[in-house]
C-alpha cells in the first residue's frame, strides 16, 4: 500500500480529531488548529459545529478501536451513510482525477464528515481492514494510523510503548519477589 496525500488526508484528520477529543483541552481554538494543520478550507467553527464534531469523533473512535475487520467495516458504513452523500471525481486546479466526497460549498462539518468517512473507507479497503488502531497502553485513549513496514503497531507512540513495557517489567518483578522460585 502506498501512503500518499490522496488516500491519507482524511485518515490522519480522523485520528487527530479523535486524539483531540481524548485530551482535556477540546475547544473551538484547538479544533480549528487541527483543521488548519490538515489544510481544511474555511476551518472557522461555531459552537454548534464543535459539538457536532465532538459527536463525530466518538463515531470515528469506534472505527479505530474496532476489535475486528467486520466491526470496523460496519462502523465505517455508518459513517459513510451520514458523511459521504455526494461522492464524485474531480480534476480541479489541473490535478489528476481524485475523489471528493461532498461539494466544496458544503459547510465545514459536512466536509469533515465526508473526507474522514470516505478516506477511512478507501484506506480500509487498501489496508485489508487493518492498520488502524487504539493504543494498547491501559488508560491511553489515543488512536493511530499504522504506516509501519510490517503493519503490527500496537501503541500510539514510542512513549506509550516504552511505558507499557516498564509497567509489565515492574509487575513481573513484583510477582517474582512475592513468589520466589523454590530452592533446589
Protein backbone atom coordinates (compact mmCIF):
# COMPACT_ATOMS: atom_id res chain seq x y z
CA UNK A 1 0.00 0.00 0.00
CA UNK A 2 1.21 3.48 -0.82
CA UNK A 3 0.60 6.11 1.80
CA UNK A 4 0.17 9.38 -0.09
CA UNK A 5 -1.75 12.63 0.25
CA UNK A 6 -4.85 11.49 -1.64
CA UNK A 7 -5.53 8.43 0.46
CA UNK A 8 -4.26 9.68 3.81
CA UNK A 9 -5.55 13.23 4.37
CA UNK A 10 -8.90 12.23 5.85
CA UNK A 11 -7.43 9.25 7.71
CA UNK A 12 -4.91 11.40 9.58
CA UNK A 13 -7.55 14.08 10.13
CA UNK A 14 -9.86 11.44 11.65
CA UNK A 15 -7.11 10.25 14.02
CA UNK A 16 -6.24 13.80 15.05
CA UNK A 17 -9.89 14.66 15.75
CA UNK A 18 -10.27 11.53 17.89
CA UNK A 19 -7.00 12.26 19.68
CA UNK A 20 -8.04 15.84 20.31
CA UNK A 21 -11.23 14.54 21.91
CA UNK A 22 -9.11 12.21 24.08
CA UNK A 23 -7.34 15.25 25.54
CA UNK A 24 -8.91 17.53 28.10
CA UNK A 25 -8.44 20.70 26.05
CA UNK A 26 -11.15 20.10 23.42
CA UNK A 27 -12.04 23.63 22.40
CA UNK A 28 -13.00 25.64 19.36
CA UNK A 29 -9.45 27.00 19.04
CA UNK A 30 -7.82 23.59 19.41
CA UNK A 31 -10.15 22.04 16.84
CA UNK A 32 -9.63 24.89 14.37
CA UNK A 33 -5.85 24.44 14.77
CA UNK A 34 -6.21 20.74 13.85
CA UNK A 35 -8.28 21.67 10.79
CA UNK A 36 -5.73 24.30 9.68
CA UNK A 37 -2.94 21.73 10.16
CA UNK A 38 -4.76 19.48 7.68
CA UNK A 39 -5.38 22.35 5.23
CA UNK A 40 -9.15 22.26 5.64
CA UNK A 41 -10.53 25.25 3.77
CA UNK A 42 -12.66 27.69 5.76
CA UNK A 43 -11.99 25.98 9.14
CA UNK A 44 -13.93 28.55 11.18
CA UNK A 45 -16.34 26.80 13.54
CA UNK A 46 -19.40 27.77 15.50
CA UNK A 47 -20.06 26.33 18.96
CA UNK A 48 -22.72 24.08 17.36
CA UNK A 49 -20.15 22.81 14.85
CA UNK A 50 -17.75 21.96 17.69
CA UNK A 51 -20.49 19.93 19.39
CA UNK A 52 -21.30 18.14 16.11
CA UNK A 53 -17.64 17.30 15.53
CA UNK A 54 -17.23 16.09 19.09
CA UNK A 55 -20.06 13.62 18.45
CA UNK A 56 -18.46 12.68 15.12
CA UNK A 57 -15.19 11.99 16.97
CA UNK A 58 -16.94 9.39 19.13
CA UNK A 59 -18.09 7.61 15.98
CA UNK A 60 -14.63 7.89 14.40
CA UNK A 61 -13.05 6.35 17.51
CA UNK A 62 -15.24 3.26 17.05
CA UNK A 63 -13.52 2.70 13.69
CA UNK A 64 -10.02 2.79 15.20
CA UNK A 65 -10.97 0.74 18.28
CA UNK A 66 -12.90 -1.93 16.36
CA UNK A 67 -11.88 -5.42 17.54
CA UNK A 68 -12.09 -6.96 14.06
CA UNK A 69 -12.44 -6.11 10.37
CA UNK A 70 -16.17 -6.81 10.23
CA UNK A 71 -16.89 -4.43 13.11
CA UNK A 72 -14.60 -1.80 11.56
CA UNK A 73 -16.39 -2.06 8.21
CA UNK A 74 -19.78 -1.81 9.90
CA UNK A 75 -18.68 1.36 11.73
CA UNK A 76 -17.33 2.90 8.53
CA UNK A 77 -20.52 2.06 6.65
CA UNK A 78 -22.46 4.02 9.26
CA UNK A 79 -20.12 6.96 8.79
CA UNK A 80 -20.50 6.80 5.02
CA UNK A 81 -24.30 6.93 5.26
CA UNK A 82 -24.12 10.17 7.24
CA UNK A 83 -20.95 11.66 5.82
CA UNK A 84 -20.38 10.90 2.15
CA UNK A 85 -23.61 11.51 0.31
CA UNK A 86 -22.15 13.14 -2.80
CA UNK A 87 -19.09 11.23 -3.99
CA UNK A 88 -17.69 12.43 -7.31
CA UNK A 89 -14.47 12.63 -9.32
CA UNK A 90 -12.83 15.98 -9.95
CA UNK A 91 -9.80 17.39 -11.76
CA UNK A 92 -9.98 20.91 -10.27
CA UNK A 93 -6.86 23.05 -10.31
CA UNK A 94 -5.39 20.91 -13.10
CA UNK A 95 -4.75 17.99 -10.74
CA UNK A 96 -5.06 14.39 -11.73
CA UNK A 97 -8.52 12.91 -11.13
CA UNK A 98 -9.33 12.31 -7.49
CA UNK A 99 -12.38 11.72 -5.33
CA UNK A 100 -14.35 14.32 -3.45
CA UNK A 101 -16.98 13.13 -1.05
CA UNK A 102 -19.02 16.32 -0.81
CA UNK A 103 -19.25 19.62 -2.69
CA UNK A 104 -16.68 22.26 -1.73
CA UNK A 105 -19.57 24.59 -0.90
CA UNK A 106 -20.74 22.31 1.94
CA UNK A 107 -20.27 23.61 5.47
CA UNK A 108 -17.11 22.69 7.38
CA UNK A 109 -18.81 19.96 9.44
CA UNK A 110 -20.18 18.29 6.30
CA UNK A 111 -16.78 18.49 4.61
CA UNK A 112 -15.01 16.97 7.61
CA UNK A 113 -17.57 14.20 7.92
CA UNK A 114 -17.28 13.39 4.24
CA UNK A 115 -13.49 13.44 3.96
CA UNK A 116 -12.97 11.39 7.11
CA UNK A 117 -15.61 8.77 6.31
CA UNK A 118 -14.60 8.46 2.66
CA UNK A 119 -10.88 8.34 3.37
CA UNK A 120 -11.31 5.76 6.13
CA UNK A 121 -13.32 3.61 3.71
CA UNK A 122 -10.66 3.79 0.99
CA UNK A 123 -7.84 3.24 3.47
CA UNK A 124 -9.62 0.25 4.99
CA UNK A 125 -10.02 -1.35 1.56
CA UNK A 126 -6.37 -0.72 0.70
CA UNK A 127 -5.14 -1.93 4.11
CA UNK A 128 -7.38 -5.00 4.02
CA UNK A 129 -9.22 -3.85 7.13
CA UNK A 130 -6.07 -3.40 9.19
CA UNK A 131 -3.63 -0.62 10.11
CA UNK A 132 -5.98 1.45 12.26
CA UNK A 133 -5.83 1.02 16.00
CA UNK A 134 -6.30 2.28 19.52
CA UNK A 135 -3.30 2.49 21.82
CA UNK A 136 -2.60 -0.75 23.69
CA UNK A 137 -1.46 1.01 26.86
CA UNK A 138 -4.05 0.88 29.62
CA UNK A 139 -5.54 4.32 30.20
CA UNK A 140 -4.40 5.84 26.91
CA UNK A 141 -7.31 6.94 24.73
CA UNK A 142 -5.30 7.88 21.65
CA UNK A 143 -5.67 6.19 18.27
CA UNK A 144 -3.21 5.77 15.41
CA UNK A 145 -2.77 5.01 11.74
CA UNK A 146 -0.18 2.28 11.25
CA UNK A 147 2.07 3.13 8.32
CA UNK A 148 4.91 0.95 9.59
CA UNK A 149 6.55 -1.51 7.24
CA UNK A 150 5.15 -4.61 8.94
CA UNK A 151 1.78 -3.16 9.97
CA UNK A 152 1.93 -4.52 13.53
CA UNK A 153 1.87 -1.32 15.54
CA UNK A 154 0.10 -1.60 18.91
CA UNK A 155 0.72 1.78 20.55
CA UNK A 156 0.06 5.41 19.66
CA UNK A 157 3.65 6.39 20.35
CA UNK A 158 7.06 5.14 21.41
CA UNK A 159 6.43 6.78 24.77
CA UNK A 160 3.32 4.62 25.42
CA UNK A 161 5.11 1.51 24.15
CA UNK A 162 8.05 2.10 26.50
CA UNK A 163 5.82 2.96 29.45
CA UNK A 164 3.80 -0.21 28.93
CA UNK A 165 7.00 -2.29 28.75
CA UNK A 166 8.21 -0.72 32.02
CA UNK A 167 4.83 -1.41 33.65
CA UNK A 168 4.95 -5.08 32.53
CA UNK A 169 8.52 -5.42 33.83
CA UNK A 170 7.58 -3.95 37.21
CA UNK A 171 4.56 -6.26 37.52
CA UNK A 172 6.75 -9.30 36.75
CA UNK A 173 9.37 -8.13 39.24
CA UNK A 174 6.74 -7.65 41.99
CA UNK A 175 5.25 -11.05 41.23
CA UNK A 176 8.64 -12.80 41.36
CA UNK A 177 9.54 -11.23 44.74
CA UNK A 178 6.20 -12.34 46.24
CA UNK A 179 6.52 -15.83 44.82
CA UNK A 180 10.22 -16.74 44.75
CA UNK A 181 11.26 -19.80 42.84
CA UNK A 182 11.65 -22.92 45.02
CA UNK A 183 15.19 -23.63 46.17
CA UNK A 184 16.81 -26.72 44.78
